[in-house]
Amino acid sequence: MLSKRIIPCLDVRDGLLTKGIKFRENLDLGDPVAAARRYYEEGADEIVFYDITASAEGRGIFLDVVERVAEAIFIPFSVGGGLSTVAQMRDVLLAGAEKVSVNSSAVRDPSLISKGAEAFGSQAVVLGLDAKKVPIGDSCPSGYEVVINGGRVPTGLDALAWAIRAEELGAGEICLNSIDADGTKDGYELNLTALIAQNVTIPVIASGGAGHPEHLYQALSQGQASAALVASIVHYNQYSMREIKVFLQAKGLPVRTI
């Protein structure tokens, strides 16, 4: 079995690390470069960086922050937020990222996924998928709807159907975030995670809701995720990356040793 990855998520607003609950009530937490370096030194497998207001503000990513993070760490680094063209993807990769994450812009123009995969390889293109639980209906038979622009805009698009299509278009990975669980620290949305993981062949990263290492264990086992994103529990120093990995090792999950 491949090692499960533990990935700190750096949400960045106006150049500062920030964290909210269900994409709202964000608090600024300081320098994202310092945080990335700390998580790298503690044993993080990757780092994810999201410029969380780039799409809503209709602008590009803060490339200077991307460059400074890339200089501070020596592990894979994924960047998303406002990427709507292949040229912007190229700029992010040249700034030091190994992967680009497309979300709102890919919903508006699905060909962005295939164009990115053709230009840089599927391994470099991650679909960021923000989903919210809704009543089961004709438009959303899975019971989960895709939302865009940082959780602000519902799309009427079924999350499972979109995940399957994104893989067909060439996405190499899906970062699946539950808006209902985001920042609550009550655990990942396991039904959603397992639903997507069982129906695609590419890796699925569980995101939203980690409050205890047990929640990561549940997402990586019961939820069948290949990796788990963490934010609040490491940003607020509840657990270190080392403590999380020791816990998962004790539970029998394969993780990269520190």
Protein backbone atom coordinates (compact mmCIF):
# COMPACT_ATOMS: atom_id res chain seq x y z
CA MET A 1 0.00 0.00 0.00
CA LEU A 2 1.24 3.46 -0.84
CA SER A 3 2.06 5.76 2.04
CA LYS A 4 -0.74 8.07 3.05
CA ARG A 5 0.15 11.75 2.76
CA ILE A 6 -0.45 14.44 5.38
CA ILE A 7 -0.68 17.87 3.80
CA PRO A 8 -0.91 21.19 5.66
CA CYS A 9 -3.13 23.69 3.86
CA LEU A 10 -2.13 27.34 3.77
CA ASP A 11 -5.10 29.57 2.99
CA VAL A 12 -3.66 32.97 2.12
CA ARG A 13 -5.51 36.30 2.04
CA ASP A 14 -3.73 39.58 1.28
CA GLY A 15 -0.42 37.77 1.65
CA LEU A 16 -1.18 36.44 5.15
CA LEU A 17 -2.02 32.96 6.41
CA THR A 18 -5.69 32.87 7.37
CA LYS A 19 -8.29 30.36 8.59
CA GLY A 20 -12.06 30.43 8.73
CA ILE A 21 -15.01 28.19 9.51
CA LYS A 22 -17.12 27.04 6.56
CA PHE A 23 -15.24 29.60 4.44
CA ARG A 24 -16.31 32.48 6.71
CA GLU A 25 -15.10 34.46 9.75
CA ASN A 26 -11.46 34.25 8.73
CA LEU A 27 -8.72 35.15 11.20
CA ASP A 28 -5.26 36.14 10.01
CA LEU A 29 -2.53 33.96 11.52
CA GLY A 30 0.74 35.40 10.25
CA ASP A 31 3.40 34.61 7.68
CA PRO A 32 2.61 31.70 5.33
CA VAL A 33 6.28 31.28 4.45
CA ALA A 34 7.25 30.69 8.08
CA ALA A 35 4.35 28.27 8.50
CA ALA A 36 5.32 26.32 5.38
CA ARG A 37 8.91 26.03 6.58
CA ARG A 38 7.81 24.81 10.01
CA TYR A 39 5.53 22.13 8.57
CA TYR A 40 8.24 21.01 6.17
CA GLU A 41 10.70 20.63 9.05
CA GLU A 42 8.09 18.72 11.09
CA GLY A 43 7.65 16.13 8.33
CA ALA A 44 4.80 17.28 6.09
CA ASP A 45 4.59 15.30 2.86
CA GLU A 46 3.39 18.22 0.76
CA ILE A 47 2.15 21.78 1.17
CA VAL A 48 -1.01 23.20 -0.40
CA PHE A 49 -1.30 26.95 -0.89
CA TYR A 50 -4.62 28.62 -1.75
CA ASP A 51 -5.01 32.31 -2.51
CA ILE A 52 -8.58 32.21 -1.25
CA THR A 53 -9.87 35.52 -2.61
CA ALA A 54 -8.18 35.52 -6.03
CA SER A 55 -11.22 34.08 -7.86
CA ALA A 56 -13.77 36.31 -6.14
CA GLU A 57 -11.59 39.38 -6.75
CA GLY A 58 -10.89 38.44 -10.35
CA ARG A 59 -7.09 38.65 -10.05
CA GLY A 60 -4.06 36.41 -10.30
CA ILE A 61 -2.20 34.69 -7.49
CA PHE A 62 0.39 36.54 -5.41
CA LEU A 63 3.40 35.01 -7.17
CA ASP A 64 5.89 36.60 -4.79
CA VAL A 65 4.43 34.60 -1.90
CA VAL A 66 4.53 31.43 -4.01
CA GLU A 67 8.21 32.05 -4.79
CA ARG A 68 9.10 32.62 -1.14
CA VAL A 69 7.31 29.46 -0.02
CA ALA A 70 8.99 27.41 -2.75
CA GLU A 71 12.39 28.68 -1.62
CA ALA A 72 11.69 27.64 1.98
CA ILE A 73 10.63 24.01 1.46
CA PHE A 74 11.87 20.92 -0.36
CA ILE A 75 8.70 18.87 -0.71
CA PRO A 76 5.92 18.96 -3.34
CA PHE A 77 3.98 22.20 -3.34
CA SER A 78 0.52 22.73 -4.88
CA VAL A 79 -0.90 26.19 -5.57
CA GLY A 80 -4.42 27.31 -6.39
CA GLY A 81 -6.62 30.38 -6.50
CA GLY A 82 -7.82 32.33 -9.50
CA LEU A 83 -5.99 30.25 -12.11
CA SER A 84 -8.00 30.55 -15.32
CA THR A 85 -5.45 30.18 -18.15
CA VAL A 86 -2.60 27.88 -19.09
CA ALA A 87 -0.30 30.89 -19.00
CA GLN A 88 -1.20 31.52 -15.35
CA MET A 89 -0.58 27.86 -14.56
CA ARG A 90 2.84 28.15 -16.20
CA ASP A 91 3.65 31.24 -14.13
CA VAL A 92 2.86 29.37 -10.91
CA LEU A 93 4.94 26.35 -11.91
CA LEU A 94 7.84 28.60 -12.87
CA ALA A 95 7.51 30.31 -9.48
CA GLY A 96 8.35 26.98 -7.85
CA ALA A 97 5.15 24.94 -7.48
CA GLU A 98 5.04 21.30 -8.60
CA LYS A 99 1.27 21.29 -9.06
CA VAL A 100 -1.50 23.74 -9.89
CA SER A 101 -4.99 23.49 -8.46
CA VAL A 102 -7.97 24.65 -10.52
CA ASN A 103 -11.41 25.06 -9.03
CA SER A 104 -13.92 27.77 -9.97
CA SER A 105 -12.34 28.47 -13.33
CA ALA A 106 -12.46 24.78 -14.28
CA VAL A 107 -16.20 24.65 -13.55
CA ARG A 108 -16.69 27.61 -15.89
CA ASP A 109 -14.34 26.20 -18.53
CA PRO A 110 -13.70 22.46 -18.12
CA SER A 111 -11.26 22.51 -21.05
CA LEU A 112 -8.83 24.24 -18.69
CA ILE A 113 -8.16 20.85 -17.10
CA SER A 114 -7.38 19.13 -20.39
CA LYS A 115 -5.29 22.05 -21.63
CA GLY A 116 -3.29 22.06 -18.40
CA ALA A 117 -2.78 18.29 -18.49
CA GLU A 118 -1.64 18.46 -22.10
CA ALA A 119 0.81 21.27 -21.36
CA PHE A 120 2.26 20.06 -18.05
CA GLY A 121 1.09 16.47 -17.51
CA SER A 122 -1.83 15.17 -15.47
CA GLN A 123 0.40 14.81 -12.42
CA ALA A 124 0.66 18.62 -12.28
CA VAL A 125 -3.08 19.35 -12.44
CA VAL A 126 -5.21 19.05 -9.31
CA LEU A 127 -8.96 19.61 -9.29
CA GLY A 128 -10.02 21.58 -6.24
CA LEU A 129 -13.61 20.56 -5.56
CA ASP A 130 -15.64 22.39 -2.90
CA ALA A 131 -18.88 20.55 -2.14
CA LYS A 132 -21.90 21.25 0.02
CA LYS A 133 -24.59 18.80 1.10
CA VAL A 134 -27.98 19.42 -0.55
CA PRO A 135 -31.25 17.50 -0.88
CA ILE A 136 -30.98 14.66 -3.37
CA GLY A 137 -32.60 15.64 -6.64
CA ASP A 138 -32.37 15.38 -10.40
CA SER A 139 -29.58 17.95 -10.65
CA CYS A 140 -27.58 16.56 -7.69
CA PRO A 141 -28.34 12.84 -7.38
CA SER A 142 -25.32 12.33 -5.11
CA GLY A 143 -26.69 14.82 -2.57
CA TYR A 144 -23.60 17.02 -2.90
CA GLU A 145 -23.39 20.20 -4.97
CA VAL A 146 -20.28 21.91 -6.30
CA VAL A 147 -19.86 25.49 -5.08
CA ILE A 148 -17.35 27.99 -6.41
CA ASN A 149 -15.75 31.35 -5.62
CA GLY A 150 -14.65 30.29 -2.15
CA GLY A 151 -17.99 28.69 -1.29
CA ARG A 152 -19.97 31.77 -2.26
CA VAL A 153 -21.69 30.59 -5.46
CA PRO A 154 -23.74 27.39 -5.87
CA THR A 155 -23.52 25.82 -9.32
CA GLY A 156 -26.24 23.18 -9.49
CA LEU A 157 -23.47 20.76 -10.55
CA ASP A 158 -23.38 17.33 -8.95
CA ALA A 159 -20.09 16.78 -7.11
CA LEU A 160 -19.71 13.12 -8.07
CA ALA A 161 -20.46 13.75 -11.73
CA TRP A 162 -17.95 16.61 -11.76
CA ALA A 163 -15.22 14.51 -10.13
CA ILE A 164 -15.67 11.75 -12.70
CA ARG A 165 -15.63 14.21 -15.58
CA ALA A 166 -12.53 15.97 -14.25
CA GLU A 167 -10.64 12.68 -14.23
CA GLU A 168 -11.75 12.04 -17.81
CA LEU A 169 -10.50 15.50 -18.78
CA GLY A 170 -7.04 14.74 -17.37
CA ALA A 171 -6.94 15.82 -13.72
CA GLY A 172 -4.31 13.84 -11.85
CA GLU A 173 -5.71 14.34 -8.37
CA ILE A 174 -8.79 15.70 -6.59
CA CYS A 175 -8.63 17.83 -3.47
CA LEU A 176 -12.11 17.38 -2.04
CA ASN A 177 -13.26 19.94 0.49
CA SER A 178 -16.50 19.70 2.42
CA ILE A 179 -17.80 23.20 3.08
CA ASP A 180 -20.10 21.83 5.78
CA ALA A 181 -17.13 20.41 7.69
CA ASP A 182 -14.53 23.08 6.89
CA GLY A 183 -12.92 24.54 10.01
CA THR A 184 -15.37 22.84 12.39
CA LYS A 185 -12.79 20.34 13.73
CA ASP A 186 -15.63 17.80 14.02
CA GLY A 187 -14.15 15.40 11.46
CA TYR A 188 -14.07 15.00 7.71
CA GLU A 189 -17.22 14.37 5.67
CA LEU A 190 -16.60 10.64 5.33
CA ASN A 191 -19.60 9.79 3.16
CA LEU A 192 -18.61 12.40 0.59
CA THR A 193 -14.96 11.38 0.67
CA ALA A 194 -15.68 7.68 0.20
CA LEU A 195 -18.24 8.39 -2.52
CA ILE A 196 -15.70 10.25 -4.63
CA ALA A 197 -12.77 7.94 -3.84
CA GLN A 198 -14.76 4.84 -4.84
CA ASN A 199 -15.76 6.29 -8.20
CA VAL A 200 -12.48 7.71 -9.53
CA THR A 201 -9.10 6.05 -10.00
CA ILE A 202 -6.94 9.12 -9.26
CA PRO A 203 -5.90 10.06 -5.71
CA VAL A 204 -8.42 11.90 -3.55
CA ILE A 205 -7.28 14.29 -0.83
CA ALA A 206 -9.77 14.67 2.03
CA SER A 207 -10.18 18.25 3.22
CA GLY A 208 -12.28 20.05 5.79
CA GLY A 209 -12.96 19.21 9.42
CA ALA A 210 -9.82 17.74 11.00
CA GLY A 211 -9.79 18.32 14.75
CA HIS A 212 -7.94 15.24 16.03
CA PRO A 213 -5.56 12.69 14.50
CA GLU A 214 -8.38 10.15 14.74
CA HIS A 215 -10.25 12.17 12.13
CA LEU A 216 -7.34 11.73 9.73
CA TYR A 217 -7.30 8.00 10.41
CA GLN A 218 -11.02 7.84 9.57
CA ALA A 219 -10.60 9.78 6.33
CA LEU A 220 -7.63 7.69 5.21
CA SER A 221 -9.22 4.35 6.09
CA GLN A 222 -13.01 4.55 6.15
CA GLY A 223 -13.07 7.47 3.71
CA GLN A 224 -10.54 5.74 1.43
CA ALA A 225 -8.63 8.97 0.80
CA SER A 226 -5.03 8.87 -0.39
CA ALA A 227 -4.12 11.96 1.62
CA ALA A 228 -5.59 14.31 4.20
CA LEU A 229 -5.36 18.08 4.42
CA VAL A 230 -4.91 19.68 7.83
CA ALA A 231 -5.21 23.32 8.80
CA SER A 232 -6.69 24.43 12.12
CA ILE A 233 -5.20 21.63 14.23
CA VAL A 234 -1.67 22.50 13.12
CA HIS A 235 -2.10 26.27 12.70
CA TYR A 236 -3.28 26.56 16.31
CA ASN A 237 -0.57 24.17 17.59
CA GLN A 238 -2.99 21.53 18.82
CA TYR A 239 -0.89 18.83 17.16
CA SER A 240 2.41 18.82 15.34
CA MET A 241 2.96 16.96 12.09
CA ARG A 242 5.15 14.55 14.03
CA GLU A 243 2.42 13.79 16.58
CA ILE A 244 -0.12 13.17 13.82
CA LYS A 245 2.17 10.75 12.02
CA VAL A 246 3.09 8.87 15.17
CA PHE A 247 -0.61 8.43 15.90
CA LEU A 248 -1.34 7.13 12.39
CA GLN A 249 1.63 4.77 12.48
CA ALA A 250 0.36 3.34 15.75
CA LYS A 251 -3.02 2.73 14.08
CA GLY A 252 -1.28 0.75 11.33
CA LEU A 253 -1.50 3.24 8.48
CA PRO A 254 1.53 3.51 6.18
CA VAL A 255 2.95 7.04 6.44
CA ARG A 256 6.35 8.42 5.55
CA THR A 257 8.58 8.20 8.59
CA ILE A 258 10.10 11.36 10.01
